[in-house]
Amino acid sequence: MVQIGENMREKKEKKINVKSMVEDIVGCKWSLSVLDMIDKGINRPGAMTREINGLTTKVLNERLKKLLKYKIIKKIEYNEIPPRVEYLYTDFGLKFVKIVNEIRLLEKEVLDS
């Protein structure tokens, strides 16, 4: 099992602007859908595209790259045939999802009132 995205080069990268990250992620319909799927335990790309009508492989890959860039998720590649890839939350991602969930609760509260 190889974890991609956790090497020395990344430690030298500049810090993430959290405000911009939240605007970028929360403002994107598909990013939240991907986070929802990971919450449900759907963490393989093929299963993700089958789960939601209209989510294409191209769009999914773009959203996954964005979430990887912000270190919300990590990519795990298994050395198997056929190849298997899974996406899981990072520790930072678990904290970020708490914020997203609070936004969802607020939205539900507003819609129900």
N, C-alpha and C. Protein backbone atom coordinates (compact mmCIF):
# COMPACT_ATOMS: atom_id res chain seq x y z
N MET A 1 0.85 -1.17 0.00
CA MET A 1 0.00 0.00 0.00
C MET A 1 0.90 1.24 0.00
N VAL A 2 0.66 2.15 -0.93
CA VAL A 2 1.45 3.36 -1.05
C VAL A 2 0.52 4.56 -0.87
N GLN A 3 0.88 5.45 0.04
CA GLN A 3 0.09 6.66 0.21
C GLN A 3 0.73 7.77 -0.61
N ILE A 4 -0.08 8.34 -1.51
CA ILE A 4 0.39 9.40 -2.37
C ILE A 4 0.11 10.74 -1.69
N GLY A 5 1.04 11.67 -1.80
CA GLY A 5 0.78 13.01 -1.31
C GLY A 5 1.30 13.28 0.09
N GLU A 6 2.10 12.41 0.65
CA GLU A 6 2.61 12.66 1.98
C GLU A 6 4.14 12.53 1.99
N ASN A 7 4.77 13.25 1.10
CA ASN A 7 6.22 13.16 1.03
C ASN A 7 6.87 14.47 1.46
N MET A 8 8.18 14.50 1.44
CA MET A 8 8.93 15.66 1.91
C MET A 8 8.64 16.92 1.11
N ARG A 9 8.41 16.79 -0.21
CA ARG A 9 8.16 17.95 -1.04
C ARG A 9 6.95 18.72 -0.55
N GLU A 10 5.93 18.00 -0.12
CA GLU A 10 4.71 18.67 0.32
C GLU A 10 4.94 19.49 1.58
N LYS A 11 5.85 19.07 2.42
CA LYS A 11 6.12 19.81 3.65
C LYS A 11 6.70 21.18 3.35
N LYS A 12 7.34 21.30 2.18
CA LYS A 12 7.94 22.57 1.78
C LYS A 12 6.95 23.50 1.09
N GLU A 13 5.79 22.97 0.69
CA GLU A 13 4.80 23.80 0.01
C GLU A 13 4.23 24.83 0.96
N LYS A 14 3.72 25.93 0.40
CA LYS A 14 3.16 26.96 1.27
C LYS A 14 1.84 26.51 1.86
N LYS A 15 1.46 27.13 2.95
CA LYS A 15 0.26 26.77 3.69
C LYS A 15 -1.00 27.08 2.88
N ILE A 16 -2.06 26.34 3.17
CA ILE A 16 -3.34 26.50 2.50
C ILE A 16 -4.09 27.69 3.10
N ASN A 17 -4.67 28.51 2.24
CA ASN A 17 -5.54 29.59 2.68
C ASN A 17 -6.92 28.97 2.91
N VAL A 18 -7.27 28.79 4.18
CA VAL A 18 -8.49 28.06 4.53
C VAL A 18 -9.74 28.77 4.01
N LYS A 19 -9.79 30.07 4.07
CA LYS A 19 -10.97 30.81 3.60
C LYS A 19 -11.20 30.54 2.11
N SER A 20 -10.15 30.64 1.32
CA SER A 20 -10.27 30.38 -0.12
C SER A 20 -10.65 28.92 -0.38
N MET A 21 -10.09 28.02 0.41
CA MET A 21 -10.39 26.60 0.25
C MET A 21 -11.88 26.34 0.51
N VAL A 22 -12.42 26.91 1.58
CA VAL A 22 -13.84 26.70 1.90
C VAL A 22 -14.71 27.23 0.78
N GLU A 23 -14.40 28.41 0.27
CA GLU A 23 -15.18 28.99 -0.83
C GLU A 23 -15.11 28.08 -2.06
N ASP A 24 -13.95 27.55 -2.34
CA ASP A 24 -13.75 26.70 -3.52
C ASP A 24 -14.49 25.38 -3.39
N ILE A 25 -14.44 24.76 -2.22
CA ILE A 25 -15.06 23.45 -2.02
C ILE A 25 -16.57 23.58 -1.82
N VAL A 26 -17.00 24.43 -0.92
CA VAL A 26 -18.43 24.54 -0.61
C VAL A 26 -19.19 25.11 -1.79
N GLY A 27 -18.56 25.92 -2.60
CA GLY A 27 -19.22 26.50 -3.77
C GLY A 27 -19.34 25.54 -4.94
N CYS A 28 -18.88 24.32 -4.79
CA CYS A 28 -18.88 23.36 -5.89
C CYS A 28 -19.79 22.18 -5.56
N LYS A 29 -20.84 22.03 -6.33
CA LYS A 29 -21.82 20.96 -6.14
C LYS A 29 -21.17 19.59 -6.07
N TRP A 30 -20.29 19.30 -6.99
CA TRP A 30 -19.73 17.96 -7.06
C TRP A 30 -18.74 17.67 -5.95
N SER A 31 -18.02 18.67 -5.47
CA SER A 31 -17.08 18.43 -4.38
C SER A 31 -17.82 17.96 -3.14
N LEU A 32 -18.94 18.59 -2.83
CA LEU A 32 -19.73 18.16 -1.67
C LEU A 32 -20.31 16.77 -1.89
N SER A 33 -20.68 16.46 -3.12
CA SER A 33 -21.19 15.13 -3.42
C SER A 33 -20.11 14.07 -3.20
N VAL A 34 -18.89 14.38 -3.58
CA VAL A 34 -17.78 13.44 -3.37
C VAL A 34 -17.54 13.26 -1.87
N LEU A 35 -17.58 14.34 -1.11
CA LEU A 35 -17.41 14.23 0.33
C LEU A 35 -18.52 13.39 0.95
N ASP A 36 -19.74 13.58 0.46
CA ASP A 36 -20.87 12.77 0.95
C ASP A 36 -20.62 11.28 0.71
N MET A 37 -20.12 10.95 -0.47
CA MET A 37 -19.87 9.55 -0.78
C MET A 37 -18.78 8.96 0.13
N ILE A 38 -17.73 9.72 0.36
CA ILE A 38 -16.67 9.23 1.24
C ILE A 38 -17.24 9.04 2.65
N ASP A 39 -18.12 9.95 3.08
CA ASP A 39 -18.80 9.78 4.38
C ASP A 39 -19.55 8.45 4.44
N LYS A 40 -20.15 8.06 3.32
CA LYS A 40 -20.93 6.82 3.26
C LYS A 40 -20.06 5.59 3.06
N GLY A 41 -18.75 5.77 2.92
CA GLY A 41 -17.85 4.64 2.71
C GLY A 41 -17.65 4.28 1.24
N ILE A 42 -18.15 5.12 0.34
CA ILE A 42 -17.94 4.91 -1.09
C ILE A 42 -16.67 5.67 -1.44
N ASN A 43 -15.56 4.94 -1.56
CA ASN A 43 -14.28 5.63 -1.71
C ASN A 43 -13.47 5.18 -2.92
N ARG A 44 -14.09 4.41 -3.80
CA ARG A 44 -13.42 4.00 -5.04
C ARG A 44 -14.04 4.75 -6.21
N PRO A 45 -13.21 5.25 -7.12
CA PRO A 45 -13.72 6.09 -8.22
C PRO A 45 -14.85 5.45 -9.04
N GLY A 46 -14.73 4.19 -9.38
CA GLY A 46 -15.76 3.54 -10.17
C GLY A 46 -17.10 3.52 -9.45
N ALA A 47 -17.05 3.23 -8.16
CA ALA A 47 -18.28 3.19 -7.35
C ALA A 47 -18.88 4.59 -7.24
N MET A 48 -18.02 5.61 -7.19
CA MET A 48 -18.52 6.98 -7.08
C MET A 48 -19.29 7.39 -8.33
N THR A 49 -18.74 7.08 -9.51
CA THR A 49 -19.44 7.48 -10.74
C THR A 49 -20.74 6.71 -10.91
N ARG A 50 -20.80 5.49 -10.40
CA ARG A 50 -22.05 4.73 -10.48
C ARG A 50 -23.08 5.22 -9.47
N GLU A 51 -22.64 5.81 -8.40
CA GLU A 51 -23.52 6.24 -7.31
C GLU A 51 -24.39 7.44 -7.69
N ILE A 52 -23.84 8.36 -8.47
CA ILE A 52 -24.56 9.61 -8.76
C ILE A 52 -24.74 9.77 -10.27
N ASN A 53 -25.99 9.86 -10.69
CA ASN A 53 -26.27 10.12 -12.11
C ASN A 53 -25.76 11.51 -12.48
N GLY A 54 -25.09 11.60 -13.60
CA GLY A 54 -24.58 12.88 -14.07
C GLY A 54 -23.14 13.16 -13.69
N LEU A 55 -22.60 12.41 -12.76
CA LEU A 55 -21.20 12.60 -12.36
C LEU A 55 -20.33 11.80 -13.31
N THR A 56 -19.60 12.51 -14.16
CA THR A 56 -18.74 11.83 -15.13
C THR A 56 -17.37 11.56 -14.53
N THR A 57 -16.64 10.66 -15.15
CA THR A 57 -15.29 10.34 -14.70
C THR A 57 -14.40 11.57 -14.75
N LYS A 58 -14.55 12.38 -15.79
CA LYS A 58 -13.74 13.59 -15.92
C LYS A 58 -13.99 14.55 -14.77
N VAL A 59 -15.26 14.81 -14.47
CA VAL A 59 -15.60 15.73 -13.39
C VAL A 59 -15.15 15.15 -12.05
N LEU A 60 -15.37 13.86 -11.85
CA LEU A 60 -14.94 13.23 -10.60
C LEU A 60 -13.43 13.40 -10.41
N ASN A 61 -12.66 13.12 -11.45
CA ASN A 61 -11.21 13.26 -11.34
C ASN A 61 -10.79 14.69 -11.02
N GLU A 62 -11.47 15.67 -11.60
CA GLU A 62 -11.18 17.07 -11.29
C GLU A 62 -11.46 17.38 -9.82
N ARG A 63 -12.59 16.88 -9.31
CA ARG A 63 -12.94 17.13 -7.90
C ARG A 63 -11.97 16.41 -6.97
N LEU A 64 -11.61 15.18 -7.30
CA LEU A 64 -10.66 14.45 -6.47
C LEU A 64 -9.31 15.16 -6.42
N LYS A 65 -8.86 15.67 -7.56
CA LYS A 65 -7.59 16.42 -7.58
C LYS A 65 -7.67 17.66 -6.70
N LYS A 66 -8.82 18.35 -6.74
CA LYS A 66 -9.00 19.54 -5.91
C LYS A 66 -8.94 19.17 -4.43
N LEU A 67 -9.64 18.11 -4.05
CA LEU A 67 -9.65 17.69 -2.65
C LEU A 67 -8.28 17.19 -2.20
N LEU A 68 -7.53 16.57 -3.10
CA LEU A 68 -6.16 16.16 -2.81
C LEU A 68 -5.27 17.39 -2.63
N LYS A 69 -5.45 18.38 -3.50
CA LYS A 69 -4.65 19.60 -3.44
C LYS A 69 -4.79 20.28 -2.09
N TYR A 70 -6.01 20.31 -1.58
CA TYR A 70 -6.26 20.95 -0.28
C TYR A 70 -6.00 20.01 0.90
N LYS A 71 -5.55 18.80 0.60
CA LYS A 71 -5.20 17.80 1.62
C LYS A 71 -6.40 17.43 2.49
N ILE A 72 -7.59 17.44 1.87
CA ILE A 72 -8.81 17.01 2.55
C ILE A 72 -8.91 15.48 2.48
N ILE A 73 -8.45 14.93 1.38
CA ILE A 73 -8.44 13.48 1.20
C ILE A 73 -7.03 13.04 0.84
N LYS A 74 -6.80 11.74 0.97
CA LYS A 74 -5.54 11.14 0.53
C LYS A 74 -5.88 9.99 -0.40
N LYS A 75 -4.97 9.74 -1.29
CA LYS A 75 -5.14 8.67 -2.28
C LYS A 75 -4.30 7.49 -1.85
N ILE A 76 -4.93 6.33 -1.81
CA ILE A 76 -4.22 5.11 -1.47
C ILE A 76 -4.27 4.18 -2.68
N GLU A 77 -3.11 3.80 -3.16
CA GLU A 77 -3.00 2.88 -4.29
C GLU A 77 -2.52 1.54 -3.76
N TYR A 78 -3.26 0.50 -4.08
CA TYR A 78 -2.89 -0.85 -3.66
C TYR A 78 -2.16 -1.53 -4.82
N ASN A 79 -1.12 -2.24 -4.49
CA ASN A 79 -0.31 -2.94 -5.49
C ASN A 79 -0.98 -4.28 -5.80
N GLU A 80 -2.06 -4.21 -6.55
CA GLU A 80 -2.85 -5.38 -6.90
C GLU A 80 -3.14 -5.38 -8.39
N ILE A 81 -3.55 -6.52 -8.88
CA ILE A 81 -4.01 -6.62 -10.27
C ILE A 81 -5.42 -7.18 -10.21
N PRO A 82 -6.42 -6.48 -10.72
CA PRO A 82 -6.35 -5.14 -11.30
C PRO A 82 -6.05 -4.09 -10.23
N PRO A 83 -5.49 -2.94 -10.65
CA PRO A 83 -5.14 -1.90 -9.69
C PRO A 83 -6.36 -1.43 -8.91
N ARG A 84 -6.13 -1.08 -7.65
CA ARG A 84 -7.22 -0.59 -6.81
C ARG A 84 -6.77 0.71 -6.17
N VAL A 85 -7.64 1.72 -6.24
CA VAL A 85 -7.37 3.03 -5.66
C VAL A 85 -8.54 3.39 -4.76
N GLU A 86 -8.23 3.95 -3.60
CA GLU A 86 -9.26 4.42 -2.68
C GLU A 86 -8.90 5.82 -2.20
N TYR A 87 -9.92 6.58 -1.87
CA TYR A 87 -9.73 7.91 -1.32
C TYR A 87 -10.32 7.94 0.08
N LEU A 88 -9.54 8.44 1.02
CA LEU A 88 -9.96 8.52 2.41
C LEU A 88 -9.66 9.92 2.94
N TYR A 89 -10.34 10.30 4.01
CA TYR A 89 -10.09 11.59 4.64
C TYR A 89 -8.72 11.61 5.30
N THR A 90 -8.07 12.76 5.24
CA THR A 90 -6.89 13.01 6.05
C THR A 90 -7.40 13.49 7.42
N ASP A 91 -6.49 13.66 8.36
CA ASP A 91 -6.90 14.22 9.66
C ASP A 91 -7.48 15.61 9.46
N PHE A 92 -6.85 16.40 8.60
CA PHE A 92 -7.37 17.73 8.29
C PHE A 92 -8.75 17.63 7.64
N GLY A 93 -8.92 16.66 6.75
CA GLY A 93 -10.20 16.47 6.07
C GLY A 93 -11.32 16.15 7.04
N LEU A 94 -11.03 15.35 8.07
CA LEU A 94 -12.04 15.05 9.08
C LEU A 94 -12.49 16.31 9.81
N LYS A 95 -11.55 17.22 10.05
CA LYS A 95 -11.91 18.51 10.68
C LYS A 95 -12.74 19.36 9.71
N PHE A 96 -12.33 19.38 8.45
CA PHE A 96 -13.04 20.16 7.44
C PHE A 96 -14.47 19.67 7.27
N VAL A 97 -14.67 18.38 7.29
CA VAL A 97 -16.01 17.81 7.10
C VAL A 97 -16.93 18.23 8.24
N LYS A 98 -16.41 18.45 9.42
CA LYS A 98 -17.24 18.94 10.53
C LYS A 98 -17.84 20.30 10.16
N ILE A 99 -17.07 21.14 9.52
CA ILE A 99 -17.55 22.46 9.10
C ILE A 99 -18.63 22.30 8.04
N VAL A 100 -18.39 21.44 7.07
CA VAL A 100 -19.37 21.19 6.00
C VAL A 100 -20.67 20.66 6.60
N ASN A 101 -20.56 19.76 7.56
CA ASN A 101 -21.76 19.21 8.20
C ASN A 101 -22.54 20.28 8.95
N GLU A 102 -21.85 21.22 9.57
CA GLU A 102 -22.54 22.33 10.25
C GLU A 102 -23.28 23.20 9.24
N ILE A 103 -22.69 23.42 8.09
CA ILE A 103 -23.36 24.19 7.03
C ILE A 103 -24.61 23.44 6.58
N ARG A 104 -24.53 22.14 6.43
CA ARG A 104 -25.69 21.34 6.04
C ARG A 104 -26.80 21.42 7.08
N LEU A 105 -26.43 21.35 8.36
CA LEU A 105 -27.43 21.45 9.43
C LEU A 105 -28.11 22.82 9.41
N LEU A 106 -27.33 23.87 9.19
CA LEU A 106 -27.90 25.21 9.12
C LEU A 106 -28.85 25.32 7.94
N GLU A 107 -28.46 24.76 6.80
CA GLU A 107 -29.32 24.80 5.63
C GLU A 107 -30.64 24.07 5.90
N LYS A 108 -30.57 22.91 6.53
CA LYS A 108 -31.77 22.14 6.86
C LYS A 108 -32.66 22.93 7.81
N GLU A 109 -32.05 23.57 8.79
CA GLU A 109 -32.81 24.37 9.76
C GLU A 109 -33.52 25.52 9.07
N VAL A 110 -32.85 26.18 8.15
CA VAL A 110 -33.46 27.31 7.43
C VAL A 110 -34.60 26.80 6.54
N LEU A 111 -34.39 25.69 5.86
CA LEU A 111 -35.43 25.15 4.98
C LEU A 111 -36.64 24.65 5.76
N ASP A 112 -36.42 24.14 6.96
CA ASP A 112 -37.52 23.60 7.77
C ASP A 112 -38.31 24.67 8.51
N SER A 113 -37.77 25.87 8.59
CA SER A 113 -38.48 26.92 9.36
C SER A 113 -39.47 27.69 8.53
